[in-house]
Amino acid sequence: MTLRVLIADDQHLVRSGLKMVLQANDLNVVGEAGNGAIAVRLAQSLRPDVCLFDIRMPVMDGLEATRRIAGPGVEHPLAVVVVTPFDLDEYVFAAASGDALISPKTTARCWSALPAPRHR
C-alpha cells in the first residue's frame, strides 16, 4: 500500500521539489495547495494518509490549517507534518503536539525555556 500525501506550501518550487522527492521514494502525492485554506479543503475531501504543511502560508497558515484538520475536537483527525525553515520557538511550541522531530538546537532551547519541575 502506497502512502498518500498532500503537500501545502505557498512556493511552487518548494512543492515541486517535495513532490519529486516523495515520488522518488514511492509515495503518492494526491494533492497540492498554495495556501492553508485550500490545503484544509483538499485534506477534508481527499483524506490523505499524511499532510505535509508549510508553517507560513497566505490566507491561512500551516498552524491554523493543522488545527482545523487535526486539532482538539476534530472527529477524524489527519496526520500532519509541519515543515518550516524557521528556527523559532513559538512555531515549535504551537506545532508540536504528538510525535515531532525537532532539531537538537531547538529542542535544547525549548527545554531550557520550561520551568524547572517542583520536587515533593
N, C-alpha and C. Protein backbone atom coordinates (compact mmCIF):
# COMPACT_ATOMS: atom_id res chain seq x y z
N MET A 1 0.85 -1.19 0.00
CA MET A 1 0.00 0.00 0.00
C MET A 1 0.89 1.24 0.00
N THR A 2 0.62 2.16 -0.90
CA THR A 2 1.40 3.38 -1.02
C THR A 2 0.82 4.47 -0.15
N LEU A 3 1.69 5.17 0.57
CA LEU A 3 1.28 6.27 1.42
C LEU A 3 0.82 7.44 0.55
N ARG A 4 -0.35 8.01 0.88
CA ARG A 4 -0.93 9.12 0.12
C ARG A 4 -0.63 10.42 0.86
N VAL A 5 -0.05 11.40 0.18
CA VAL A 5 0.43 12.63 0.80
C VAL A 5 -0.17 13.85 0.12
N LEU A 6 -0.55 14.83 0.95
CA LEU A 6 -0.97 16.15 0.47
C LEU A 6 0.13 17.14 0.83
N ILE A 7 0.56 17.94 -0.13
CA ILE A 7 1.61 18.94 0.09
C ILE A 7 0.98 20.33 0.06
N ALA A 8 1.30 21.15 1.06
CA ALA A 8 0.82 22.54 1.08
C ALA A 8 2.00 23.47 1.37
N ASP A 9 2.31 24.31 0.41
CA ASP A 9 3.37 25.31 0.54
C ASP A 9 3.05 26.41 -0.46
N ASP A 10 3.27 27.65 -0.07
CA ASP A 10 2.93 28.76 -0.96
C ASP A 10 3.93 28.94 -2.09
N GLN A 11 5.07 28.26 -2.03
CA GLN A 11 6.07 28.38 -3.09
C GLN A 11 6.00 27.16 -4.01
N HIS A 12 5.67 27.43 -5.26
CA HIS A 12 5.51 26.36 -6.25
C HIS A 12 6.79 25.52 -6.38
N LEU A 13 7.93 26.17 -6.35
CA LEU A 13 9.20 25.46 -6.50
C LEU A 13 9.42 24.49 -5.33
N VAL A 14 9.06 24.90 -4.14
CA VAL A 14 9.19 24.01 -2.97
C VAL A 14 8.25 22.82 -3.10
N ARG A 15 6.99 23.10 -3.48
CA ARG A 15 6.03 22.00 -3.68
C ARG A 15 6.55 21.00 -4.72
N SER A 16 7.07 21.53 -5.82
CA SER A 16 7.59 20.65 -6.88
C SER A 16 8.76 19.81 -6.38
N GLY A 17 9.65 20.43 -5.62
CA GLY A 17 10.79 19.70 -5.07
C GLY A 17 10.37 18.61 -4.11
N LEU A 18 9.45 18.94 -3.22
CA LEU A 18 8.94 17.94 -2.28
C LEU A 18 8.26 16.80 -3.02
N LYS A 19 7.48 17.16 -4.02
CA LYS A 19 6.78 16.14 -4.80
C LYS A 19 7.76 15.19 -5.47
N MET A 20 8.82 15.74 -6.05
CA MET A 20 9.84 14.90 -6.70
C MET A 20 10.47 13.94 -5.69
N VAL A 21 10.84 14.44 -4.53
CA VAL A 21 11.48 13.61 -3.51
C VAL A 21 10.51 12.52 -3.03
N LEU A 22 9.27 12.90 -2.77
CA LEU A 22 8.28 11.92 -2.29
C LEU A 22 8.01 10.84 -3.33
N GLN A 23 7.80 11.25 -4.56
CA GLN A 23 7.52 10.29 -5.62
C GLN A 23 8.72 9.38 -5.89
N ALA A 24 9.92 9.91 -5.75
CA ALA A 24 11.13 9.10 -5.94
C ALA A 24 11.23 8.02 -4.86
N ASN A 25 10.53 8.24 -3.74
CA ASN A 25 10.51 7.27 -2.66
C ASN A 25 9.20 6.50 -2.61
N ASP A 26 8.54 6.40 -3.75
CA ASP A 26 7.31 5.62 -3.92
C ASP A 26 6.15 6.07 -3.05
N LEU A 27 6.06 7.37 -2.79
CA LEU A 27 4.91 7.93 -2.09
C LEU A 27 4.01 8.59 -3.13
N ASN A 28 2.72 8.55 -2.90
CA ASN A 28 1.74 9.06 -3.86
C ASN A 28 1.27 10.45 -3.43
N VAL A 29 1.66 11.48 -4.16
CA VAL A 29 1.20 12.84 -3.88
C VAL A 29 -0.18 12.99 -4.49
N VAL A 30 -1.20 13.09 -3.63
CA VAL A 30 -2.59 13.12 -4.11
C VAL A 30 -3.12 14.54 -4.30
N GLY A 31 -2.38 15.53 -3.80
CA GLY A 31 -2.85 16.90 -3.97
C GLY A 31 -1.79 17.90 -3.55
N GLU A 32 -1.95 19.13 -4.07
CA GLU A 32 -1.05 20.24 -3.74
C GLU A 32 -1.87 21.48 -3.51
N ALA A 33 -1.43 22.29 -2.55
CA ALA A 33 -2.12 23.54 -2.25
C ALA A 33 -1.10 24.66 -2.05
N GLY A 34 -1.48 25.85 -2.47
CA GLY A 34 -0.62 27.02 -2.33
C GLY A 34 -0.95 27.89 -1.15
N ASN A 35 -2.03 27.55 -0.42
CA ASN A 35 -2.35 28.28 0.81
C ASN A 35 -3.09 27.34 1.77
N GLY A 36 -3.19 27.77 3.01
CA GLY A 36 -3.77 26.91 4.04
C GLY A 36 -5.24 26.61 3.87
N ALA A 37 -6.00 27.56 3.35
CA ALA A 37 -7.44 27.33 3.17
C ALA A 37 -7.69 26.23 2.13
N ILE A 38 -6.96 26.28 1.03
CA ILE A 38 -7.08 25.24 0.02
C ILE A 38 -6.59 23.91 0.59
N ALA A 39 -5.53 23.95 1.37
CA ALA A 39 -5.00 22.72 1.98
C ALA A 39 -6.04 22.04 2.85
N VAL A 40 -6.77 22.82 3.65
CA VAL A 40 -7.81 22.26 4.51
C VAL A 40 -8.91 21.62 3.67
N ARG A 41 -9.36 22.32 2.63
CA ARG A 41 -10.41 21.76 1.77
C ARG A 41 -9.96 20.46 1.11
N LEU A 42 -8.73 20.46 0.58
CA LEU A 42 -8.21 19.25 -0.05
C LEU A 42 -8.04 18.11 0.96
N ALA A 43 -7.55 18.43 2.13
CA ALA A 43 -7.36 17.40 3.16
C ALA A 43 -8.69 16.77 3.55
N GLN A 44 -9.71 17.60 3.70
CA GLN A 44 -11.02 17.08 4.08
C GLN A 44 -11.65 16.25 2.98
N SER A 45 -11.42 16.61 1.73
CA SER A 45 -12.04 15.85 0.64
C SER A 45 -11.21 14.63 0.20
N LEU A 46 -9.88 14.76 0.20
CA LEU A 46 -9.02 13.67 -0.27
C LEU A 46 -8.68 12.66 0.82
N ARG A 47 -8.69 13.10 2.09
CA ARG A 47 -8.34 12.25 3.24
C ARG A 47 -7.01 11.52 3.02
N PRO A 48 -5.92 12.29 2.81
CA PRO A 48 -4.61 11.64 2.62
C PRO A 48 -4.13 10.97 3.90
N ASP A 49 -3.15 10.10 3.77
CA ASP A 49 -2.55 9.47 4.95
C ASP A 49 -1.74 10.47 5.76
N VAL A 50 -1.09 11.40 5.07
CA VAL A 50 -0.25 12.41 5.71
C VAL A 50 -0.40 13.73 4.97
N CYS A 51 -0.48 14.82 5.74
CA CYS A 51 -0.47 16.17 5.17
C CYS A 51 0.88 16.79 5.51
N LEU A 52 1.54 17.33 4.53
CA LEU A 52 2.82 17.99 4.71
C LEU A 52 2.58 19.48 4.52
N PHE A 53 2.56 20.24 5.63
CA PHE A 53 2.17 21.65 5.60
C PHE A 53 3.34 22.56 5.93
N ASP A 54 3.53 23.59 5.11
CA ASP A 54 4.45 24.68 5.44
C ASP A 54 3.81 25.47 6.58
N ILE A 55 4.64 26.02 7.43
CA ILE A 55 4.10 26.75 8.58
C ILE A 55 3.61 28.14 8.20
N ARG A 56 4.27 28.76 7.22
CA ARG A 56 3.87 30.10 6.77
C ARG A 56 3.28 30.01 5.37
N MET A 57 1.98 30.29 5.30
CA MET A 57 1.28 30.31 4.01
C MET A 57 0.27 31.45 4.03
N PRO A 58 -0.10 31.97 2.87
CA PRO A 58 -1.13 33.01 2.84
C PRO A 58 -2.52 32.44 3.11
N VAL A 59 -3.45 33.31 3.34
CA VAL A 59 -4.86 33.04 3.62
C VAL A 59 -5.03 32.38 4.97
N MET A 60 -4.36 31.24 5.20
CA MET A 60 -4.40 30.54 6.48
C MET A 60 -3.04 29.87 6.65
N ASP A 61 -2.38 30.10 7.79
CA ASP A 61 -1.06 29.50 7.96
C ASP A 61 -1.17 28.01 8.28
N GLY A 62 -0.02 27.33 8.25
CA GLY A 62 0.02 25.90 8.48
C GLY A 62 -0.43 25.48 9.86
N LEU A 63 -0.24 26.35 10.85
CA LEU A 63 -0.68 26.01 12.22
C LEU A 63 -2.20 25.99 12.31
N GLU A 64 -2.84 27.00 11.74
CA GLU A 64 -4.31 27.03 11.76
C GLU A 64 -4.88 25.90 10.90
N ALA A 65 -4.27 25.66 9.76
CA ALA A 65 -4.73 24.55 8.90
C ALA A 65 -4.61 23.23 9.65
N THR A 66 -3.54 23.05 10.39
CA THR A 66 -3.35 21.84 11.19
C THR A 66 -4.42 21.71 12.25
N ARG A 67 -4.71 22.81 12.95
CA ARG A 67 -5.77 22.79 13.98
C ARG A 67 -7.12 22.38 13.38
N ARG A 68 -7.38 22.83 12.17
CA ARG A 68 -8.68 22.54 11.55
C ARG A 68 -8.85 21.08 11.12
N ILE A 69 -7.75 20.40 10.83
CA ILE A 69 -7.88 19.01 10.38
C ILE A 69 -7.35 18.00 11.39
N ALA A 70 -6.66 18.48 12.44
CA ALA A 70 -6.08 17.53 13.39
C ALA A 70 -6.13 18.02 14.83
N GLY A 71 -6.73 19.17 15.06
CA GLY A 71 -6.73 19.75 16.39
C GLY A 71 -7.76 19.15 17.32
N PRO A 72 -7.78 19.65 18.55
CA PRO A 72 -8.75 19.17 19.53
C PRO A 72 -10.18 19.31 19.00
N GLY A 73 -10.97 18.29 19.18
CA GLY A 73 -12.37 18.34 18.75
C GLY A 73 -12.60 17.88 17.32
N VAL A 74 -11.54 17.64 16.55
CA VAL A 74 -11.72 17.15 15.18
C VAL A 74 -12.09 15.67 15.28
N GLU A 75 -13.22 15.32 14.69
CA GLU A 75 -13.75 13.97 14.84
C GLU A 75 -12.85 12.89 14.24
N HIS A 76 -12.37 13.12 13.04
CA HIS A 76 -11.48 12.15 12.37
C HIS A 76 -10.21 12.88 11.95
N PRO A 77 -9.28 13.11 12.90
CA PRO A 77 -8.09 13.90 12.60
C PRO A 77 -7.16 13.20 11.61
N LEU A 78 -6.46 14.01 10.86
CA LEU A 78 -5.48 13.51 9.90
C LEU A 78 -4.08 13.70 10.46
N ALA A 79 -3.14 12.92 9.98
CA ALA A 79 -1.73 13.07 10.38
C ALA A 79 -1.14 14.26 9.62
N VAL A 80 -0.43 15.11 10.36
CA VAL A 80 0.17 16.29 9.75
C VAL A 80 1.63 16.38 10.15
N VAL A 81 2.47 16.70 9.18
CA VAL A 81 3.86 17.04 9.43
C VAL A 81 4.00 18.51 9.06
N VAL A 82 4.38 19.33 10.03
CA VAL A 82 4.55 20.77 9.79
C VAL A 82 6.02 21.01 9.47
N VAL A 83 6.26 21.67 8.35
CA VAL A 83 7.61 21.90 7.87
C VAL A 83 7.89 23.39 7.90
N THR A 84 9.08 23.75 8.37
CA THR A 84 9.46 25.15 8.35
C THR A 84 10.97 25.30 8.34
N PRO A 85 11.48 26.29 7.62
CA PRO A 85 12.91 26.57 7.70
C PRO A 85 13.21 27.51 8.87
N PHE A 86 12.18 27.98 9.55
CA PHE A 86 12.35 28.96 10.62
C PHE A 86 12.61 28.26 11.94
N ASP A 87 13.64 28.67 12.63
CA ASP A 87 14.04 28.08 13.90
C ASP A 87 13.52 28.96 15.04
N LEU A 88 12.19 29.07 15.12
CA LEU A 88 11.56 29.93 16.13
C LEU A 88 10.79 29.08 17.13
N ASP A 89 11.05 29.31 18.42
CA ASP A 89 10.41 28.52 19.46
C ASP A 89 8.90 28.58 19.42
N GLU A 90 8.32 29.74 19.12
CA GLU A 90 6.86 29.84 19.12
C GLU A 90 6.24 28.92 18.07
N TYR A 91 6.93 28.72 16.95
CA TYR A 91 6.43 27.78 15.95
C TYR A 91 6.49 26.34 16.47
N VAL A 92 7.60 26.01 17.12
CA VAL A 92 7.77 24.65 17.64
C VAL A 92 6.70 24.34 18.68
N PHE A 93 6.51 25.24 19.65
CA PHE A 93 5.51 25.01 20.69
C PHE A 93 4.10 24.94 20.11
N ALA A 94 3.81 25.75 19.10
CA ALA A 94 2.47 25.75 18.51
C ALA A 94 2.22 24.51 17.65
N ALA A 95 3.24 24.00 17.01
CA ALA A 95 3.06 22.89 16.07
C ALA A 95 3.26 21.52 16.71
N ALA A 96 4.05 21.43 17.78
CA ALA A 96 4.49 20.11 18.28
C ALA A 96 3.55 19.55 19.33
N SER A 97 2.46 18.95 18.87
CA SER A 97 1.64 18.15 19.77
C SER A 97 1.63 16.75 19.18
N GLY A 98 1.93 15.79 20.00
CA GLY A 98 2.10 14.44 19.47
C GLY A 98 3.56 14.23 19.13
N ASP A 99 3.84 13.29 18.26
CA ASP A 99 5.21 13.00 17.89
C ASP A 99 5.75 14.12 17.02
N ALA A 100 7.02 14.46 17.25
CA ALA A 100 7.62 15.53 16.47
C ALA A 100 9.11 15.29 16.34
N LEU A 101 9.67 15.71 15.23
CA LEU A 101 11.10 15.69 15.03
C LEU A 101 11.54 17.14 14.99
N ILE A 102 12.38 17.50 15.95
CA ILE A 102 12.80 18.88 16.09
C ILE A 102 14.32 18.89 16.14
N SER A 103 14.92 19.91 15.58
CA SER A 103 16.38 19.98 15.58
C SER A 103 16.90 19.97 17.02
N PRO A 104 18.07 19.39 17.26
CA PRO A 104 18.62 19.36 18.61
C PRO A 104 18.78 20.75 19.23
N LYS A 105 19.20 21.73 18.42
CA LYS A 105 19.37 23.09 18.93
C LYS A 105 18.05 23.66 19.42
N THR A 106 16.99 23.45 18.66
CA THR A 106 15.68 23.93 19.06
C THR A 106 15.18 23.18 20.29
N THR A 107 15.40 21.89 20.33
CA THR A 107 14.98 21.09 21.48
C THR A 107 15.63 21.61 22.76
N ALA A 108 16.93 21.87 22.72
CA ALA A 108 17.64 22.37 23.90
C ALA A 108 17.08 23.72 24.34
N ARG A 109 16.81 24.61 23.39
CA ARG A 109 16.24 25.92 23.74
C ARG A 109 14.86 25.77 24.35
N CYS A 110 14.03 24.89 23.79
CA CYS A 110 12.68 24.69 24.31
C CYS A 110 12.72 24.14 25.74
N TRP A 111 13.59 23.15 25.98
CA TRP A 111 13.70 22.58 27.33
C TRP A 111 14.16 23.64 28.32
N SER A 112 15.11 24.47 27.94
CA SER A 112 15.62 25.48 28.87
C SER A 112 14.58 26.56 29.14
N ALA A 113 13.61 26.72 28.25
CA ALA A 113 12.56 27.74 28.46
C ALA A 113 11.46 27.25 29.39
N LEU A 114 11.39 25.93 29.62
CA LEU A 114 10.36 25.38 30.50
C LEU A 114 10.73 25.60 31.96
N PRO A 115 9.74 25.81 32.82
CA PRO A 115 10.05 25.98 34.25
C PRO A 115 10.59 24.68 34.83
N ALA A 116 11.46 24.82 35.82
CA ALA A 116 12.04 23.64 36.47
C ALA A 116 10.95 22.89 37.23
N PRO A 117 11.00 21.55 37.23
CA PRO A 117 9.97 20.78 37.95
C PRO A 117 10.11 20.98 39.46
N ARG A 118 8.99 21.00 40.14
CA ARG A 118 8.98 21.11 41.60
C ARG A 118 9.07 19.74 42.21
N HIS A 119 9.90 19.60 43.20
CA HIS A 119 10.03 18.31 43.90
C HIS A 119 9.11 18.29 45.09
N ARG A 120 8.57 17.13 45.39
CA ARG A 120 7.65 17.00 46.53
C ARG A 120 8.38 16.85 47.81
